[in-house]
N, C-alpha and C. Protein backbone atom coordinates (compact mmCIF):
# COMPACT_ATOMS: atom_id res chain seq x y z
N GLY A 1 79.24 118.44 105.70
CA GLY A 1 77.43 118.92 105.65
C GLY A 1 77.60 120.27 104.49
N SER A 2 76.67 120.04 104.36
CA SER A 2 76.24 121.38 103.21
C SER A 2 75.44 122.19 102.74
N MET A 3 75.04 122.74 102.08
CA MET A 3 73.48 123.82 102.27
C MET A 3 72.47 123.39 101.69
N ASP A 4 72.69 122.41 101.40
CA ASP A 4 71.58 121.82 100.12
C ASP A 4 70.84 120.66 101.71
N GLN A 5 70.68 121.12 102.55
CA GLN A 5 70.86 120.15 103.82
C GLN A 5 70.91 117.85 103.45
N THR A 6 71.77 118.47 102.86
CA THR A 6 72.06 117.15 102.47
C THR A 6 73.93 116.83 103.02
N LEU A 7 74.05 115.10 103.70
CA LEU A 7 75.41 115.00 104.09
C LEU A 7 75.33 113.35 102.68
N VAL A 8 76.71 113.45 102.14
CA VAL A 8 77.34 112.17 101.40
C VAL A 8 78.34 112.03 102.03
N THR A 9 78.49 110.14 101.81
CA THR A 9 79.82 109.46 102.33
C THR A 9 80.32 109.08 100.61
N HIS A 10 81.15 108.93 100.67
CA HIS A 10 81.84 108.93 99.55
C HIS A 10 82.92 107.14 99.97
N ALA A 11 83.10 106.73 99.36
CA ALA A 11 83.93 105.00 99.38
C ALA A 11 85.73 104.95 98.72
N TYR A 12 86.69 105.27 99.29
CA TYR A 12 87.68 105.33 98.63
C TYR A 12 88.76 103.39 98.65
N ASN A 13 88.74 103.35 97.02
CA ASN A 13 89.24 101.91 96.79
C ASN A 13 91.16 102.93 96.76
N SER A 14 91.81 102.39 98.00
CA SER A 14 93.35 102.45 97.59
C SER A 14 94.03 102.07 96.46
N LYS A 15 93.43 100.72 96.40
CA LYS A 15 94.26 100.25 95.46
C LYS A 15 93.89 100.74 93.97
N LYS A 16 92.92 101.19 93.41
CA LYS A 16 92.93 102.08 91.95
C LYS A 16 92.76 103.35 92.41
N GLY A 17 92.97 103.44 93.56
CA GLY A 17 92.79 105.03 93.33
C GLY A 17 91.61 105.95 93.37
N GLU A 18 90.48 105.23 93.54
CA GLU A 18 89.50 105.76 93.02
C GLU A 18 88.40 106.25 94.35
N LEU A 19 87.87 107.21 94.37
CA LEU A 19 86.97 107.85 95.03
C LEU A 19 85.42 107.70 94.16
N SER A 20 84.43 106.81 94.91
CA SER A 20 83.26 106.51 94.41
C SER A 20 82.34 107.47 95.03
N LEU A 21 81.10 107.78 94.99
CA LEU A 21 80.41 108.27 95.88
C LEU A 21 79.34 107.22 96.87
N HIS A 22 79.47 106.72 97.87
CA HIS A 22 78.71 105.82 98.71
C HIS A 22 77.54 105.78 99.30
N ALA A 23 76.96 106.62 99.66
CA ALA A 23 75.47 107.29 100.10
C ALA A 23 75.03 108.72 100.22
N VAL A 24 73.61 108.74 100.16
CA VAL A 24 73.52 110.36 100.40
C VAL A 24 72.40 110.35 101.62
N TYR A 25 72.44 110.94 102.26
CA TYR A 25 71.78 110.68 104.19
C TYR A 25 71.26 112.40 103.74
N SER A 26 69.35 112.53 103.40
CA SER A 26 68.67 113.07 103.58
C SER A 26 67.57 113.12 104.33
N GLY A 27 66.68 114.13 104.61
CA GLY A 27 65.32 114.48 105.12
C GLY A 27 65.66 114.44 106.75
N GLY A 28 66.69 114.78 107.40
CA GLY A 28 67.08 115.15 108.68
C GLY A 28 67.13 116.63 108.95
N HIS A 29 67.33 117.27 108.10
CA HIS A 29 67.62 119.12 108.66
C HIS A 29 66.78 119.63 107.89
N GLY A 30 66.34 120.92 108.49
CA GLY A 30 65.24 121.29 107.85
C GLY A 30 66.60 122.93 107.27
N ASN A 31 67.57 122.93 107.80
CA ASN A 31 68.60 124.20 107.22
C ASN A 31 70.11 124.01 106.97
N SER A 32 71.06 124.46 106.46
CA SER A 32 72.17 124.10 106.17
C SER A 32 73.01 123.29 107.14
N ILE A 33 73.32 122.47 107.04
CA ILE A 33 74.47 121.72 107.93
C ILE A 33 75.49 122.00 108.24
N SER A 34 75.64 122.49 109.51
CA SER A 34 77.42 122.80 109.69
C SER A 34 78.33 122.12 110.82
N SER A 35 77.83 120.66 111.65
CA SER A 35 78.72 120.15 111.85
C SER A 35 78.25 118.81 111.70
N VAL A 36 79.66 117.98 111.54
CA VAL A 36 79.22 116.34 111.24
C VAL A 36 80.47 115.45 112.53
N ALA A 37 79.75 114.43 112.36
CA ALA A 37 81.18 113.62 113.74
C ALA A 37 80.23 112.24 113.63
N LEU A 38 81.94 111.54 112.71
CA LEU A 38 81.27 109.89 112.88
C LEU A 38 82.26 109.38 113.92
N ALA A 39 81.17 108.40 114.52
CA ALA A 39 81.48 107.61 115.20
C ALA A 39 82.57 106.95 115.21
N ALA A 40 83.79 106.42 115.67
CA ALA A 40 84.94 105.48 115.13
C ALA A 40 84.64 103.87 115.76
N GLY A 41 83.43 103.67 116.25
CA GLY A 41 82.89 102.43 116.82
C GLY A 41 82.84 101.46 115.40
N GLY A 42 82.83 100.31 115.46
CA GLY A 42 82.29 99.38 114.35
C GLY A 42 83.82 98.87 113.61
N SER A 43 85.17 99.01 113.61
CA SER A 43 86.39 98.61 113.30
C SER A 43 87.07 97.76 113.98
N GLY A 44 86.30 97.92 115.18
CA GLY A 44 87.33 96.67 115.87
C GLY A 44 86.62 95.72 116.88
N GLY A 45 85.66 95.12 115.71
CA GLY A 45 84.93 94.26 116.41
C GLY A 45 83.50 94.76 116.88
N GLY A 46 82.95 94.06 117.53
CA GLY A 46 81.10 94.56 117.76
C GLY A 46 80.46 93.63 116.78
N ASP A 47 79.59 94.48 116.20
CA ASP A 47 78.71 94.32 114.76
C ASP A 47 78.72 95.34 113.97
N GLY A 48 79.87 95.62 113.93
CA GLY A 48 80.39 96.40 112.73
C GLY A 48 79.71 98.07 112.19
N LYS A 49 78.25 97.99 113.38
CA LYS A 49 78.02 99.45 112.45
C LYS A 49 78.39 100.61 113.03
N GLN A 50 78.54 101.66 111.88
CA GLN A 50 78.83 102.87 112.12
C GLN A 50 77.77 103.69 112.89
N ILE A 51 77.40 104.72 113.14
CA ILE A 51 76.65 106.13 113.23
C ILE A 51 77.50 107.25 113.29
N MET A 52 76.47 108.12 112.90
CA MET A 52 77.43 109.95 112.27
C MET A 52 76.01 110.93 113.01
N ALA A 53 76.67 111.99 113.58
CA ALA A 53 75.85 112.93 113.81
C ALA A 53 76.13 114.16 113.16
N SER A 54 74.89 114.90 112.84
CA SER A 54 75.21 116.15 112.32
C SER A 54 73.93 117.24 112.52
N GLY A 55 74.88 118.43 112.91
CA GLY A 55 74.02 119.43 113.31
C GLY A 55 74.05 120.39 112.47
N ASP A 56 72.84 121.63 112.46
CA ASP A 56 72.57 122.42 111.08
C ASP A 56 72.52 123.96 112.12
N TRP A 57 71.96 124.85 110.97
CA TRP A 57 71.47 126.27 111.39
C TRP A 57 70.78 126.49 112.66
N ASP A 58 69.92 125.53 112.16
CA ASP A 58 68.84 125.93 113.44
C ASP A 58 68.85 125.39 114.44
N GLY A 59 70.24 124.41 114.90
CA GLY A 59 70.19 123.89 116.40
C GLY A 59 69.40 122.47 115.89
N GLY A 60 69.20 121.56 115.10
CA GLY A 60 68.70 120.36 114.61
C GLY A 60 70.18 119.52 114.52
N LEU A 61 69.33 118.69 115.07
CA LEU A 61 70.35 117.42 115.34
C LEU A 61 70.03 116.41 115.04
N ALA A 62 70.70 115.38 114.02
CA ALA A 62 70.20 114.11 113.48
C ALA A 62 71.01 113.20 113.57
N ILE A 63 70.62 112.22 113.62
CA ILE A 63 72.25 111.01 113.91
C ILE A 63 71.51 109.71 112.68
N TRP A 64 72.52 109.29 112.14
CA TRP A 64 72.13 108.22 110.52
C TRP A 64 73.10 107.00 110.81
N ASN A 65 72.58 106.08 110.83
CA ASN A 65 73.15 104.84 110.61
C ASN A 65 74.36 104.69 109.24
N VAL A 66 75.68 104.33 109.17
CA VAL A 66 76.36 104.22 108.12
C VAL A 66 76.32 103.05 107.41
N PRO A 67 76.05 103.27 106.60
CA PRO A 67 75.85 101.76 105.37
C PRO A 67 77.75 101.22 105.03
N GLY A 68 77.33 99.90 105.26
CA GLY A 68 78.75 99.20 104.65
C GLY A 68 79.35 99.50 103.64
N SER A 69 80.26 99.01 103.37
CA SER A 69 80.24 99.59 101.40
C SER A 69 80.03 98.76 100.69
N SER A 70 79.66 97.52 100.90
CA SER A 70 79.36 97.02 99.91
C SER A 70 78.22 96.91 100.34
N SER A 71 77.37 96.32 99.33
CA SER A 71 76.05 96.14 99.46
C SER A 71 75.18 95.28 100.39
N SER A 72 75.84 93.97 100.41
CA SER A 72 75.97 92.74 101.45
C SER A 72 75.59 93.31 102.94
N SER A 73 76.58 93.79 103.45
CA SER A 73 76.86 94.92 104.84
C SER A 73 75.39 95.42 105.37
N SER A 74 75.01 96.94 103.86
CA SER A 74 74.10 97.53 104.04
C SER A 74 72.59 96.58 104.24
N SER A 75 72.54 95.67 104.13
CA SER A 75 71.19 95.44 104.44
C SER A 75 70.68 95.17 106.10
N SER A 76 71.93 94.96 106.48
CA SER A 76 71.92 94.68 108.15
C SER A 76 71.18 96.09 108.90
N ASN A 77 71.67 96.76 108.57
CA ASN A 77 71.90 98.29 108.85
C ASN A 77 70.03 98.82 108.80
N ASP A 78 69.28 99.43 109.61
CA ASP A 78 68.46 99.77 110.49
C ASP A 78 68.47 101.62 109.35
N ASN A 79 67.51 101.44 108.89
CA ASN A 79 66.83 102.30 107.81
C ASN A 79 68.02 103.47 107.18
N VAL A 80 68.78 102.18 106.34
CA VAL A 80 69.59 102.08 105.78
C VAL A 80 69.21 102.07 104.33
N GLY A 81 69.15 102.78 103.30
CA GLY A 81 68.87 102.69 101.79
C GLY A 81 67.19 102.96 102.41
N GLY A 82 66.42 103.62 103.06
CA GLY A 82 65.25 103.87 103.22
C GLY A 82 64.42 104.44 104.37
N ASP A 83 63.48 104.70 104.79
CA ASP A 83 62.73 105.29 105.65
C ASP A 83 62.56 104.60 106.81
N ALA A 84 62.22 105.60 108.06
CA ALA A 84 61.84 104.67 109.17
C ALA A 84 61.06 103.64 109.36
N ASN A 85 60.10 103.47 108.00
CA ASN A 85 59.03 102.18 108.08
C ASN A 85 59.84 100.89 107.03
N GLY A 86 61.26 101.16 106.86
CA GLY A 86 61.91 99.95 106.24
C GLY A 86 61.71 99.93 104.67
N LYS A 87 61.03 101.10 104.30
CA LYS A 87 60.86 101.28 102.95
C LYS A 87 62.62 101.48 101.96
N LYS A 88 62.60 100.76 101.25
CA LYS A 88 64.18 101.03 100.98
C LYS A 88 63.99 101.60 99.32
N SER A 89 65.25 102.51 99.03
CA SER A 89 65.48 102.89 97.79
C SER A 89 67.10 102.87 97.53
N SER A 90 66.99 102.91 96.38
CA SER A 90 68.63 103.03 95.94
C SER A 90 68.71 103.50 94.62
N LYS A 91 69.44 104.35 93.95
CA LYS A 91 69.12 104.80 92.63
C LYS A 91 70.88 104.75 91.94
N LYS A 92 70.90 104.38 91.07
CA LYS A 92 72.11 104.28 89.98
C LYS A 92 72.24 105.75 89.62
N ARG A 93 73.52 106.36 89.96
CA ARG A 93 73.87 107.49 89.25
C ARG A 93 75.21 107.36 89.10
N LYS A 94 75.33 108.21 87.80
CA LYS A 94 76.80 108.39 87.12
C LYS A 94 77.24 109.46 87.64
N ASP A 95 79.15 109.10 87.85
CA ASP A 95 79.70 110.82 88.57
C ASP A 95 80.15 111.34 88.07
N ASN A 96 79.50 112.24 87.01
CA ASN A 96 80.47 113.05 86.21
C ASN A 96 80.96 113.97 86.75
N ASN A 97 81.84 113.96 87.93
CA ASN A 97 82.77 115.33 88.49
C ASN A 97 83.76 115.27 87.75
N SER A 98 84.11 116.25 86.96
CA SER A 98 85.11 116.90 85.90
C SER A 98 86.38 117.23 86.91
N ASN A 99 86.81 117.14 88.47
CA ASN A 99 87.31 117.58 89.13
C ASN A 99 87.81 115.81 90.05
N SER A 100 87.32 114.86 89.08
CA SER A 100 87.98 113.49 89.78
C SER A 100 88.76 113.06 89.39
N THR A 101 89.97 112.77 90.68
CA THR A 101 91.18 111.72 90.11
C THR A 101 91.38 110.57 89.34
N SER A 102 89.80 110.80 88.75
CA SER A 102 89.79 108.68 88.56
C SER A 102 88.91 108.52 87.69
N SER A 103 88.67 107.56 86.91
CA SER A 103 87.44 107.47 86.71
C SER A 103 86.11 106.89 86.80
N SER A 104 85.22 107.44 86.80
CA SER A 104 83.75 106.77 87.49
C SER A 104 83.34 105.73 86.86
N THR A 105 82.63 105.27 87.85
CA THR A 105 81.53 104.15 86.69
C THR A 105 80.46 103.74 87.49
N GLU A 106 79.67 103.79 87.21
CA GLU A 106 78.14 103.75 87.55
C GLU A 106 77.97 102.57 88.60
N GLY A 107 76.79 103.11 89.65
CA GLY A 107 77.14 102.04 90.86
C GLY A 107 75.97 102.23 91.60
N THR A 108 75.33 101.74 92.23
CA THR A 108 74.21 101.62 93.54
C THR A 108 74.82 102.94 94.28
N ILE A 109 74.00 103.85 94.75
CA ILE A 109 73.98 104.75 95.75
C ILE A 109 73.27 104.80 96.65
N GLN A 110 73.41 104.31 97.94
CA GLN A 110 72.58 103.99 98.96
C GLN A 110 71.84 105.43 99.27
N GLU A 111 70.71 105.46 99.53
CA GLU A 111 69.87 106.42 100.27
C GLU A 111 69.36 106.41 101.73
N VAL A 112 70.34 107.36 102.95
CA VAL A 112 69.79 106.58 103.78
C VAL A 112 68.63 107.91 104.42
N GLN A 113 68.02 107.77 105.19
CA GLN A 113 67.23 108.58 106.12
C GLN A 113 67.64 108.69 107.83
N PRO A 114 67.65 109.46 108.57
CA PRO A 114 67.56 109.94 109.56
C PRO A 114 67.34 108.74 110.30
N ILE A 115 68.07 108.66 111.67
CA ILE A 115 67.32 106.95 112.82
C ILE A 115 66.26 108.44 114.09
N GLN A 116 66.91 109.30 113.93
CA GLN A 116 66.29 110.16 114.24
C GLN A 116 66.98 111.80 114.51
N SER A 117 65.71 112.66 114.23
CA SER A 117 65.85 113.52 114.17
C SER A 117 65.23 115.02 115.24
N VAL A 118 66.26 115.71 115.95
CA VAL A 118 65.23 116.47 117.24
C VAL A 118 65.77 117.96 116.89
N ARG A 119 65.65 118.63 117.26
CA ARG A 119 66.11 120.16 117.78
C ARG A 119 66.68 120.21 118.71
N ALA A 120 67.77 119.84 119.18
CA ALA A 120 68.67 120.29 120.04
C ALA A 120 69.13 121.57 120.95
N HIS A 121 69.08 122.28 120.18
CA HIS A 121 69.74 123.74 120.13
C HIS A 121 68.85 125.07 119.35
N SER A 122 68.73 126.13 120.08
CA SER A 122 67.84 127.22 119.96
C SER A 122 68.63 127.79 118.36
N SER A 123 69.70 127.51 118.55
CA SER A 123 70.66 127.98 116.94
C SER A 123 72.06 126.89 116.65
N ASN A 124 72.98 127.65 115.89
CA ASN A 124 73.71 126.52 115.37
C ASN A 124 74.57 125.55 115.90
N ILE A 125 74.25 124.41 115.39
CA ILE A 125 75.53 123.21 116.01
C ILE A 125 76.75 123.43 115.63
N SER A 126 77.72 124.09 116.07
CA SER A 126 79.19 124.42 115.12
C SER A 126 80.11 123.06 115.39
N GLY A 127 79.51 122.20 117.15
CA GLY A 127 80.61 121.68 116.99
C GLY A 127 79.78 120.25 117.67
N LEU A 128 80.21 119.02 116.82
CA LEU A 128 80.21 117.38 117.91
C LEU A 128 81.18 116.47 118.04
N ALA A 129 81.18 115.91 118.96
CA ALA A 129 81.98 114.80 119.77
C ALA A 129 80.94 113.64 120.42
N TRP A 130 81.72 112.46 119.85
CA TRP A 130 81.00 111.28 120.94
C TRP A 130 81.72 111.20 121.72
N GLY A 131 81.05 110.56 122.40
CA GLY A 131 82.09 109.99 123.37
C GLY A 131 82.00 108.49 124.20
N TYR A 132 82.93 108.19 124.39
CA TYR A 132 82.94 106.46 124.67
C TYR A 132 83.30 106.16 125.99
N ASN A 133 82.24 104.61 126.39
CA ASN A 133 82.50 104.49 128.05
C ASN A 133 83.35 103.03 127.22
N SER A 134 84.04 103.02 127.90
CA SER A 134 85.29 101.80 127.90
C SER A 134 84.83 100.20 127.96
N SER A 135 83.47 100.35 128.51
CA SER A 135 83.26 99.37 129.44
C SER A 135 82.22 98.68 128.77
N SER A 136 81.69 99.21 127.75
CA SER A 136 80.36 99.35 126.73
C SER A 136 80.99 98.42 125.18
N SER A 137 79.84 98.75 124.37
CA SER A 137 80.08 97.83 123.44
C SER A 137 81.34 99.32 122.24
N SER A 138 81.64 98.80 120.80
CA SER A 138 82.29 100.20 120.62
C SER A 138 81.59 100.79 120.03
N LEU A 139 80.14 101.10 120.09
CA LEU A 139 79.21 102.38 119.32
C LEU A 139 79.47 103.40 120.85
N PRO A 140 79.58 104.60 120.48
CA PRO A 140 79.86 105.42 121.45
C PRO A 140 78.73 105.40 122.55
N SER A 141 78.29 105.66 123.92
CA SER A 141 77.23 106.23 124.96
C SER A 141 76.93 107.34 124.84
N THR A 142 77.93 108.88 124.37
CA THR A 142 77.35 110.13 124.89
C THR A 142 78.02 110.99 123.18
N LEU A 143 76.85 111.87 123.02
CA LEU A 143 76.93 113.11 122.07
C LEU A 143 77.43 114.20 122.58
N LEU A 144 77.88 114.94 122.32
CA LEU A 144 78.10 116.16 122.52
C LEU A 144 78.11 117.58 122.33
N THR A 145 77.14 118.03 121.98
CA THR A 145 76.85 119.11 121.11
C THR A 145 76.77 120.19 121.18
N GLY A 146 77.28 121.38 120.79
CA GLY A 146 77.64 122.70 121.03
C GLY A 146 77.57 123.51 120.21
C-alpha cells in the first residue's frame, strides 16, 4: 500500500533478474492504504484469475482483479486496464528508478480500477486475510478484515 492511495504490482523476470512495473491500481481509496492481501488462487488451475484486497486508514476496503503478466491474459479479466464500465486505458512509462538492480525498458503498464470499494470499518483496516473453501474454485470464499 501507499500514502498516495494507490497500489502497484511488479513483474519479476528470474532469467534476466529484472523487476518491472506491471500494473497501477487506483480509484479505490480515499486515504492511505494500510493493508494488502493477494489471493493465492489462480496458480493451480481454474480460470487463472487472481484477486487482491486492500484496506485504508479510513476503514475503506477495495477488491481488485490482478491482471496476468502478459497482455493477452489481461484482456479476459474484468475491470483490468479500465473502469467499471469497461473503458480500457494503458500508459507507456519508463521506469527511471535509480535504485533498480537492472536496466529498465519501456513497456505498457496496466491501470486497474477496483471491482468494488466499500466502507468496511469505522477506522483503520490493519489486516486482511483470505479464507478458502476446499470444495469451491481456486478463488477464496471469505475475506477477514480487521
